[in-house]
Amino acid sequence: MGLTPDDLQELLAAFEQSSWQEMTVSVAGDTLHVSRREGPPVTGRPADVAPVPAAAPAPTLDPPPAPPGAPQPDPVPVPGAGAVPAPPEAPGVPVAAPSVGLFWRAPSPGAPPFVDVGTRVGPEDVIGIVEVMKLMNRVPAGISGVVTAVLVENGGMVEHGQPLVLIDPSA
């Protein structure tokens, strides 16, 4: 079973939202190669796969600047962003999402989360999973310490580089 049109749309959306310069995905004989670079694909890639140009970024509608001295409007929260506000006093080093995707706090539905606030972790301990196109990417803590905040809800959509948890290395 190869890539479906829905799979292609999801892959392209993930690529557009990422900071990746190039991506190649092969599934059951189907290969998709996209690149932000101009020219032929990077050497070592299949020669019969032409680069798919990335879509132009969507225009943004920024409100006009307010006159000096006018009150500034509060930012509008994006529904479903999956972010959990960190307590202002939560110390720690952020552990960032390695890619765009869905963040899972537990290895399977109904299982206990990998970490909670107060969990002591080592650099190799898994703090969660980022799912991209049904590929599960384990996210290691990267440092030793104690988890002081979990910043993303289970199943929340995350962006590349978005902080997932805070870890206090001095605890």
N, C-alpha and C. Protein backbone atom coordinates (compact mmCIF):
# COMPACT_ATOMS: atom_id res chain seq x y z
N MET A 1 0.85 -1.17 0.00
CA MET A 1 0.00 0.00 0.00
C MET A 1 0.89 1.23 0.00
N GLY A 2 0.74 2.09 -0.99
CA GLY A 2 1.58 3.27 -1.15
C GLY A 2 1.01 4.49 -0.45
N LEU A 3 1.49 5.63 -0.86
CA LEU A 3 1.04 6.89 -0.29
C LEU A 3 -0.31 7.29 -0.88
N THR A 4 -1.24 7.66 -0.02
CA THR A 4 -2.55 8.13 -0.48
C THR A 4 -2.49 9.64 -0.65
N PRO A 5 -3.47 10.23 -1.34
CA PRO A 5 -3.50 11.70 -1.44
C PRO A 5 -3.52 12.38 -0.07
N ASP A 6 -4.24 11.79 0.90
CA ASP A 6 -4.27 12.36 2.25
C ASP A 6 -2.88 12.31 2.88
N ASP A 7 -2.16 11.19 2.67
CA ASP A 7 -0.80 11.07 3.19
C ASP A 7 0.09 12.17 2.60
N LEU A 8 -0.04 12.38 1.29
CA LEU A 8 0.77 13.40 0.63
C LEU A 8 0.47 14.79 1.20
N GLN A 9 -0.81 15.09 1.41
CA GLN A 9 -1.18 16.39 1.97
C GLN A 9 -0.60 16.56 3.37
N GLU A 10 -0.67 15.52 4.19
CA GLU A 10 -0.13 15.58 5.55
C GLU A 10 1.39 15.78 5.52
N LEU A 11 2.06 15.03 4.65
CA LEU A 11 3.51 15.15 4.54
C LEU A 11 3.91 16.56 4.09
N LEU A 12 3.23 17.08 3.08
CA LEU A 12 3.56 18.41 2.59
C LEU A 12 3.27 19.48 3.64
N ALA A 13 2.18 19.32 4.39
CA ALA A 13 1.86 20.28 5.46
C ALA A 13 2.94 20.24 6.54
N ALA A 14 3.38 19.03 6.91
CA ALA A 14 4.43 18.91 7.92
C ALA A 14 5.72 19.55 7.42
N PHE A 15 6.04 19.35 6.14
CA PHE A 15 7.25 19.93 5.56
C PHE A 15 7.17 21.46 5.56
N GLU A 16 6.01 22.00 5.14
CA GLU A 16 5.85 23.45 5.08
C GLU A 16 5.96 24.09 6.46
N GLN A 17 5.52 23.40 7.51
CA GLN A 17 5.54 23.96 8.86
C GLN A 17 6.89 23.74 9.55
N SER A 18 7.76 22.97 8.93
CA SER A 18 9.05 22.66 9.56
C SER A 18 10.12 23.62 9.06
N SER A 19 11.31 23.47 9.64
CA SER A 19 12.46 24.24 9.16
C SER A 19 13.35 23.38 8.27
N TRP A 20 12.85 22.19 7.90
CA TRP A 20 13.63 21.28 7.05
C TRP A 20 13.88 21.93 5.70
N GLN A 21 15.04 21.66 5.12
CA GLN A 21 15.36 22.14 3.79
C GLN A 21 14.99 21.11 2.73
N GLU A 22 14.93 19.85 3.14
CA GLU A 22 14.67 18.78 2.18
C GLU A 22 14.07 17.59 2.92
N MET A 23 13.22 16.84 2.22
CA MET A 23 12.60 15.65 2.83
C MET A 23 12.37 14.62 1.74
N THR A 24 12.71 13.36 2.03
CA THR A 24 12.42 12.25 1.15
C THR A 24 11.74 11.17 1.96
N VAL A 25 10.59 10.69 1.47
CA VAL A 25 9.83 9.64 2.14
C VAL A 25 9.57 8.55 1.12
N SER A 26 9.88 7.30 1.48
CA SER A 26 9.60 6.16 0.61
C SER A 26 8.70 5.19 1.36
N VAL A 27 7.58 4.83 0.74
CA VAL A 27 6.63 3.89 1.34
C VAL A 27 6.16 2.94 0.24
N ALA A 28 6.41 1.66 0.43
CA ALA A 28 5.92 0.62 -0.48
C ALA A 28 6.18 0.96 -1.95
N GLY A 29 7.38 1.41 -2.25
CA GLY A 29 7.73 1.67 -3.64
C GLY A 29 7.40 3.08 -4.11
N ASP A 30 6.59 3.83 -3.36
CA ASP A 30 6.30 5.22 -3.70
C ASP A 30 7.30 6.11 -2.98
N THR A 31 7.84 7.10 -3.70
CA THR A 31 8.81 8.00 -3.09
C THR A 31 8.36 9.44 -3.31
N LEU A 32 8.43 10.22 -2.25
CA LEU A 32 8.14 11.64 -2.31
C LEU A 32 9.40 12.38 -1.90
N HIS A 33 9.85 13.31 -2.73
CA HIS A 33 11.01 14.12 -2.41
C HIS A 33 10.61 15.58 -2.58
N VAL A 34 10.76 16.38 -1.53
CA VAL A 34 10.49 17.81 -1.62
C VAL A 34 11.71 18.55 -1.10
N SER A 35 11.93 19.74 -1.65
CA SER A 35 13.10 20.52 -1.29
C SER A 35 12.77 21.99 -1.38
N ARG A 36 13.33 22.76 -0.47
CA ARG A 36 13.20 24.22 -0.54
C ARG A 36 14.31 24.78 -1.44
N ARG A 37 15.29 23.96 -1.76
CA ARG A 37 16.41 24.39 -2.59
C ARG A 37 16.00 24.35 -4.06
N GLU A 38 16.64 25.18 -4.85
CA GLU A 38 16.40 25.15 -6.29
C GLU A 38 17.39 24.20 -6.93
N GLY A 39 17.02 23.65 -8.06
CA GLY A 39 17.92 22.77 -8.78
C GLY A 39 17.57 21.31 -8.57
N PRO A 40 18.45 20.42 -9.05
CA PRO A 40 18.18 18.98 -8.97
C PRO A 40 18.28 18.49 -7.54
N PRO A 41 17.71 17.31 -7.26
CA PRO A 41 17.81 16.74 -5.91
C PRO A 41 19.26 16.52 -5.51
N VAL A 42 19.50 16.47 -4.21
CA VAL A 42 20.84 16.24 -3.67
C VAL A 42 21.34 14.89 -4.13
N THR A 43 22.67 14.80 -4.40
CA THR A 43 23.26 13.55 -4.87
C THR A 43 22.98 12.43 -3.89
N GLY A 44 22.75 11.24 -4.43
CA GLY A 44 22.45 10.09 -3.59
C GLY A 44 20.97 9.82 -3.50
N ARG A 45 20.15 10.70 -4.02
CA ARG A 45 18.71 10.50 -4.04
C ARG A 45 18.34 9.80 -5.35
N PRO A 46 17.23 9.10 -5.42
CA PRO A 46 16.83 8.47 -6.67
C PRO A 46 16.70 9.50 -7.79
N ALA A 47 17.31 9.21 -8.93
CA ALA A 47 17.34 10.17 -10.04
C ALA A 47 15.97 10.35 -10.68
N ASP A 48 15.07 9.35 -10.56
CA ASP A 48 13.78 9.46 -11.23
C ASP A 48 12.75 10.24 -10.42
N VAL A 49 13.14 10.77 -9.28
CA VAL A 49 12.21 11.52 -8.45
C VAL A 49 12.54 12.99 -8.57
N ALA A 50 11.64 13.75 -9.15
CA ALA A 50 11.86 15.18 -9.32
C ALA A 50 11.46 15.92 -8.06
N PRO A 51 12.15 17.01 -7.73
CA PRO A 51 11.76 17.76 -6.54
C PRO A 51 10.39 18.40 -6.73
N VAL A 52 9.62 18.39 -5.66
CA VAL A 52 8.32 19.03 -5.67
C VAL A 52 8.51 20.39 -5.03
N PRO A 53 8.18 21.48 -5.74
CA PRO A 53 8.42 22.79 -5.14
C PRO A 53 7.52 23.00 -3.93
N ALA A 54 8.08 23.61 -2.90
CA ALA A 54 7.29 23.91 -1.70
C ALA A 54 6.35 25.06 -2.03
N ALA A 55 5.17 25.00 -1.46
CA ALA A 55 4.19 26.05 -1.70
C ALA A 55 4.67 27.35 -1.08
N ALA A 56 4.27 28.45 -1.68
CA ALA A 56 4.62 29.75 -1.13
C ALA A 56 3.94 29.91 0.22
N PRO A 57 4.60 30.59 1.15
CA PRO A 57 3.97 30.77 2.45
C PRO A 57 2.66 31.53 2.32
N ALA A 58 1.70 31.17 3.13
CA ALA A 58 0.40 31.82 3.10
C ALA A 58 0.56 33.26 3.58
N PRO A 59 -0.14 34.19 2.93
CA PRO A 59 -0.04 35.58 3.37
C PRO A 59 -0.64 35.72 4.77
N THR A 60 -0.05 36.60 5.54
CA THR A 60 -0.59 36.83 6.88
C THR A 60 -1.35 38.14 6.88
N LEU A 61 -2.38 38.18 7.64
CA LEU A 61 -3.19 39.38 7.77
C LEU A 61 -2.89 40.01 9.11
N ASP A 62 -1.94 40.92 9.12
CA ASP A 62 -1.60 41.61 10.35
C ASP A 62 -2.50 42.83 10.48
N PRO A 63 -3.01 43.08 11.69
CA PRO A 63 -3.83 44.27 11.86
C PRO A 63 -2.96 45.51 11.70
N PRO A 64 -3.57 46.64 11.30
CA PRO A 64 -2.78 47.86 11.17
C PRO A 64 -2.25 48.28 12.54
N PRO A 65 -1.10 48.93 12.57
CA PRO A 65 -0.55 49.34 13.87
C PRO A 65 -1.48 50.34 14.55
N ALA A 66 -1.56 50.21 15.87
CA ALA A 66 -2.41 51.12 16.65
C ALA A 66 -1.70 52.46 16.77
N PRO A 67 -2.47 53.54 16.85
CA PRO A 67 -1.84 54.85 17.03
C PRO A 67 -1.08 54.89 18.36
N PRO A 68 -0.04 55.72 18.44
CA PRO A 68 0.72 55.80 19.69
C PRO A 68 -0.19 56.15 20.86
N GLY A 69 0.02 55.46 21.97
CA GLY A 69 -0.76 55.72 23.17
C GLY A 69 -2.06 54.94 23.25
N ALA A 70 -2.46 54.28 22.16
CA ALA A 70 -3.69 53.50 22.18
C ALA A 70 -3.44 52.18 22.90
N PRO A 71 -4.44 51.65 23.61
CA PRO A 71 -4.24 50.35 24.29
C PRO A 71 -4.04 49.25 23.26
N GLN A 72 -3.14 48.34 23.59
CA GLN A 72 -2.86 47.21 22.70
C GLN A 72 -3.83 46.08 22.98
N PRO A 73 -4.40 45.45 21.94
CA PRO A 73 -5.31 44.32 22.18
C PRO A 73 -4.54 43.11 22.69
N ASP A 74 -5.22 42.30 23.48
CA ASP A 74 -4.62 41.06 23.96
C ASP A 74 -4.51 40.09 22.81
N PRO A 75 -3.43 39.28 22.76
CA PRO A 75 -3.33 38.29 21.69
C PRO A 75 -4.47 37.29 21.79
N VAL A 76 -4.95 36.86 20.63
CA VAL A 76 -6.05 35.91 20.58
C VAL A 76 -5.49 34.51 20.64
N PRO A 77 -5.92 33.68 21.62
CA PRO A 77 -5.41 32.31 21.68
C PRO A 77 -5.90 31.50 20.49
N VAL A 78 -5.07 30.59 20.03
CA VAL A 78 -5.44 29.71 18.93
C VAL A 78 -6.08 28.46 19.53
N PRO A 79 -7.37 28.19 19.21
CA PRO A 79 -8.00 27.01 19.79
C PRO A 79 -7.34 25.74 19.30
N GLY A 80 -7.22 24.78 20.22
CA GLY A 80 -6.67 23.47 19.85
C GLY A 80 -5.17 23.46 19.69
N ALA A 81 -4.48 24.50 20.13
CA ALA A 81 -3.03 24.53 19.95
C ALA A 81 -2.34 23.50 20.84
N GLY A 82 -3.00 23.02 21.88
CA GLY A 82 -2.44 21.95 22.71
C GLY A 82 -1.44 22.42 23.74
N ALA A 83 -1.27 23.72 23.89
CA ALA A 83 -0.31 24.22 24.86
C ALA A 83 -0.93 24.31 26.24
N VAL A 84 -0.15 23.99 27.23
CA VAL A 84 -0.56 24.12 28.62
C VAL A 84 0.35 25.18 29.21
N PRO A 85 -0.21 26.29 29.74
CA PRO A 85 0.67 27.32 30.26
C PRO A 85 1.50 26.81 31.43
N ALA A 86 2.77 27.16 31.42
CA ALA A 86 3.67 26.75 32.51
C ALA A 86 3.47 27.69 33.68
N PRO A 87 3.58 27.15 34.87
CA PRO A 87 3.52 28.04 36.02
C PRO A 87 4.65 29.06 35.91
N PRO A 88 4.41 30.34 36.22
CA PRO A 88 5.45 31.34 36.03
C PRO A 88 6.71 31.05 36.84
N GLU A 89 6.57 30.31 37.94
CA GLU A 89 7.73 30.04 38.78
C GLU A 89 8.45 28.76 38.39
N ALA A 90 8.00 28.06 37.36
CA ALA A 90 8.61 26.78 36.97
C ALA A 90 9.99 27.02 36.37
N PRO A 91 11.05 26.60 37.10
CA PRO A 91 12.39 26.73 36.53
C PRO A 91 12.66 25.56 35.59
N GLY A 92 13.67 25.69 34.80
CA GLY A 92 14.06 24.54 34.01
C GLY A 92 14.50 24.88 32.61
N VAL A 93 15.11 23.88 32.01
CA VAL A 93 15.59 23.94 30.64
C VAL A 93 14.53 23.30 29.76
N PRO A 94 14.10 23.97 28.69
CA PRO A 94 13.07 23.38 27.84
C PRO A 94 13.62 22.22 27.00
N VAL A 95 12.80 21.19 26.83
CA VAL A 95 13.09 20.10 25.90
C VAL A 95 12.17 20.36 24.71
N ALA A 96 12.76 20.55 23.53
CA ALA A 96 12.01 20.98 22.36
C ALA A 96 11.56 19.81 21.49
N ALA A 97 10.45 20.04 20.77
CA ALA A 97 9.94 19.06 19.81
C ALA A 97 10.93 18.95 18.65
N PRO A 98 11.28 17.72 18.23
CA PRO A 98 12.23 17.55 17.13
C PRO A 98 11.62 17.84 15.76
N SER A 99 10.28 17.85 15.69
CA SER A 99 9.61 18.10 14.42
C SER A 99 8.16 18.49 14.68
N VAL A 100 7.48 18.84 13.62
CA VAL A 100 6.04 19.10 13.68
C VAL A 100 5.34 17.77 13.87
N GLY A 101 4.27 17.73 14.64
CA GLY A 101 3.51 16.49 14.81
C GLY A 101 2.60 16.54 16.01
N LEU A 102 2.12 15.38 16.41
CA LEU A 102 1.28 15.24 17.59
C LEU A 102 2.15 14.76 18.75
N PHE A 103 1.98 15.37 19.92
CA PHE A 103 2.76 15.00 21.09
C PHE A 103 1.97 14.03 21.95
N TRP A 104 2.58 12.89 22.23
CA TRP A 104 1.95 11.88 23.08
C TRP A 104 2.78 11.74 24.35
N ARG A 105 2.12 11.87 25.50
CA ARG A 105 2.81 11.79 26.79
C ARG A 105 3.03 10.36 27.25
N ALA A 106 2.29 9.39 26.67
CA ALA A 106 2.37 7.99 27.11
C ALA A 106 2.65 7.10 25.90
N PRO A 107 3.20 5.90 26.14
CA PRO A 107 3.51 5.00 25.03
C PRO A 107 2.29 4.43 24.34
N SER A 108 1.14 4.40 25.02
CA SER A 108 -0.10 3.90 24.41
C SER A 108 -1.28 4.45 25.20
N PRO A 109 -2.47 4.46 24.59
CA PRO A 109 -3.65 4.95 25.31
C PRO A 109 -3.87 4.15 26.60
N GLY A 110 -4.14 4.85 27.67
CA GLY A 110 -4.38 4.20 28.95
C GLY A 110 -3.13 3.91 29.76
N ALA A 111 -1.96 4.00 29.14
CA ALA A 111 -0.70 3.76 29.86
C ALA A 111 -0.32 5.02 30.64
N PRO A 112 0.44 4.86 31.71
CA PRO A 112 0.88 6.05 32.45
C PRO A 112 1.82 6.89 31.58
N PRO A 113 1.85 8.21 31.81
CA PRO A 113 2.74 9.07 31.01
C PRO A 113 4.21 8.74 31.27
N PHE A 114 5.04 9.05 30.28
CA PHE A 114 6.48 8.86 30.43
C PHE A 114 6.99 9.66 31.62
N VAL A 115 6.56 10.93 31.72
CA VAL A 115 6.99 11.80 32.82
C VAL A 115 5.81 12.65 33.30
N ASP A 116 5.90 13.07 34.54
CA ASP A 116 4.98 14.03 35.14
C ASP A 116 5.84 15.05 35.88
N VAL A 117 5.22 16.12 36.34
CA VAL A 117 5.94 17.08 37.16
C VAL A 117 6.47 16.33 38.39
N GLY A 118 7.76 16.50 38.66
CA GLY A 118 8.40 15.82 39.79
C GLY A 118 9.17 14.57 39.40
N THR A 119 9.02 14.10 38.17
CA THR A 119 9.74 12.90 37.72
C THR A 119 11.22 13.24 37.52
N ARG A 120 12.10 12.41 38.09
CA ARG A 120 13.54 12.57 37.87
C ARG A 120 13.90 11.84 36.57
N VAL A 121 14.63 12.52 35.69
CA VAL A 121 14.99 11.94 34.40
C VAL A 121 16.50 12.03 34.17
N GLY A 122 16.98 11.15 33.29
CA GLY A 122 18.35 11.19 32.81
C GLY A 122 18.34 11.59 31.35
N PRO A 123 19.50 11.85 30.77
CA PRO A 123 19.57 12.31 29.38
C PRO A 123 18.91 11.38 28.37
N GLU A 124 18.95 10.07 28.61
CA GLU A 124 18.39 9.11 27.65
C GLU A 124 16.93 8.76 27.93
N ASP A 125 16.37 9.23 29.04
CA ASP A 125 14.98 8.91 29.37
C ASP A 125 14.03 9.59 28.39
N VAL A 126 12.99 8.88 27.98
CA VAL A 126 12.00 9.39 27.04
C VAL A 126 10.99 10.25 27.81
N ILE A 127 10.75 11.47 27.31
CA ILE A 127 9.77 12.35 27.95
C ILE A 127 8.44 12.34 27.20
N GLY A 128 8.43 11.80 25.99
CA GLY A 128 7.21 11.75 25.18
C GLY A 128 7.52 11.27 23.78
N ILE A 129 6.49 11.29 22.95
CA ILE A 129 6.61 10.85 21.56
C ILE A 129 6.01 11.93 20.66
N VAL A 130 6.70 12.24 19.56
CA VAL A 130 6.13 13.12 18.54
C VAL A 130 5.82 12.24 17.34
N GLU A 131 4.53 12.22 16.97
CA GLU A 131 4.06 11.39 15.86
C GLU A 131 3.95 12.22 14.60
N VAL A 132 4.60 11.74 13.53
CA VAL A 132 4.51 12.37 12.22
C VAL A 132 4.16 11.28 11.23
N MET A 133 2.99 11.35 10.61
CA MET A 133 2.57 10.37 9.61
C MET A 133 2.67 8.95 10.14
N LYS A 134 2.17 8.73 11.32
CA LYS A 134 2.14 7.42 11.98
C LYS A 134 3.54 6.89 12.32
N LEU A 135 4.56 7.73 12.19
CA LEU A 135 5.90 7.38 12.64
C LEU A 135 6.08 7.98 14.03
N MET A 136 6.42 7.13 14.99
CA MET A 136 6.55 7.56 16.37
C MET A 136 8.02 7.87 16.68
N ASN A 137 8.31 9.11 17.00
CA ASN A 137 9.66 9.55 17.30
C ASN A 137 9.77 9.82 18.80
N ARG A 138 10.54 8.99 19.49
CA ARG A 138 10.73 9.17 20.93
C ARG A 138 11.57 10.42 21.17
N VAL A 139 11.19 11.19 22.19
CA VAL A 139 11.91 12.41 22.51
C VAL A 139 12.67 12.20 23.82
N PRO A 140 14.01 12.16 23.77
CA PRO A 140 14.79 11.99 25.00
C PRO A 140 14.88 13.31 25.76
N ALA A 141 15.08 13.20 27.08
CA ALA A 141 15.19 14.39 27.92
C ALA A 141 16.41 15.22 27.52
N GLY A 142 17.52 14.57 27.21
CA GLY A 142 18.72 15.30 26.81
C GLY A 142 19.57 15.77 27.97
N ILE A 143 18.98 15.91 29.16
CA ILE A 143 19.72 16.32 30.35
C ILE A 143 19.17 15.57 31.56
N SER A 144 19.94 15.57 32.63
CA SER A 144 19.47 14.98 33.89
C SER A 144 18.83 16.08 34.73
N GLY A 145 17.80 15.70 35.46
CA GLY A 145 17.15 16.67 36.35
C GLY A 145 15.75 16.22 36.71
N VAL A 146 14.95 17.17 37.17
CA VAL A 146 13.57 16.90 37.58
C VAL A 146 12.63 17.71 36.69
N VAL A 147 11.58 17.06 36.19
CA VAL A 147 10.58 17.72 35.36
C VAL A 147 9.82 18.72 36.23
N THR A 148 9.83 20.00 35.83
CA THR A 148 9.14 21.04 36.60
C THR A 148 7.84 21.49 35.95
N ALA A 149 7.66 21.19 34.65
CA ALA A 149 6.42 21.56 33.97
C ALA A 149 6.27 20.72 32.71
N VAL A 150 5.04 20.33 32.43
CA VAL A 150 4.69 19.69 31.16
C VAL A 150 3.89 20.74 30.40
N LEU A 151 4.40 21.17 29.24
CA LEU A 151 3.86 22.33 28.54
C LEU A 151 2.86 22.01 27.44
N VAL A 152 2.72 20.74 27.08
CA VAL A 152 1.82 20.36 25.99
C VAL A 152 0.90 19.25 26.46
N GLU A 153 -0.38 19.37 26.12
CA GLU A 153 -1.35 18.34 26.48
C GLU A 153 -1.13 17.09 25.65
N ASN A 154 -1.57 15.96 26.17
CA ASN A 154 -1.50 14.70 25.43
C ASN A 154 -2.31 14.83 24.15
N GLY A 155 -1.71 14.51 23.02
CA GLY A 155 -2.39 14.60 21.73
C GLY A 155 -2.36 15.98 21.11
N GLY A 156 -1.65 16.93 21.74
CA GLY A 156 -1.58 18.29 21.22
C GLY A 156 -0.64 18.40 20.03
N MET A 157 -1.00 19.26 19.10
CA MET A 157 -0.16 19.52 17.93
C MET A 157 1.02 20.39 18.35
N VAL A 158 2.23 20.02 17.92
CA VAL A 158 3.42 20.78 18.25
C VAL A 158 4.16 21.20 16.99
N GLU A 159 4.91 22.26 17.11
CA GLU A 159 5.75 22.77 16.03
C GLU A 159 7.20 22.37 16.29
N HIS A 160 8.01 22.37 15.25
CA HIS A 160 9.43 22.10 15.41
C HIS A 160 10.03 23.14 16.36
N GLY A 161 10.74 22.67 17.38
CA GLY A 161 11.39 23.58 18.33
C GLY A 161 10.52 24.04 19.48
N GLN A 162 9.24 23.68 19.48
CA GLN A 162 8.34 24.10 20.56
C GLN A 162 8.71 23.37 21.85
N PRO A 163 8.82 24.10 22.97
CA PRO A 163 9.11 23.44 24.25
C PRO A 163 8.00 22.47 24.65
N LEU A 164 8.39 21.27 25.08
CA LEU A 164 7.43 20.24 25.49
C LEU A 164 7.36 20.13 27.01
N VAL A 165 8.51 20.11 27.65
CA VAL A 165 8.59 20.05 29.11
C VAL A 165 9.75 20.93 29.56
N LEU A 166 9.75 21.27 30.86
CA LEU A 166 10.89 21.96 31.47
C LEU A 166 11.54 21.00 32.45
N ILE A 167 12.87 20.96 32.43
CA ILE A 167 13.63 20.10 33.33
C ILE A 167 14.62 20.96 34.10
N ASP A 168 14.57 20.87 35.43
CA ASP A 168 15.49 21.62 36.28
C ASP A 168 16.71 20.74 36.55
N PRO A 169 17.86 21.07 35.95
CA PRO A 169 19.05 20.24 36.14
C PRO A 169 19.66 20.38 37.54
N SER A 170 19.30 21.43 38.27
CA SER A 170 19.88 21.63 39.60
C SER A 170 19.11 20.91 40.70
N ALA A 171 17.97 20.33 40.36
CA ALA A 171 17.14 19.66 41.38
C ALA A 171 17.60 18.24 41.61
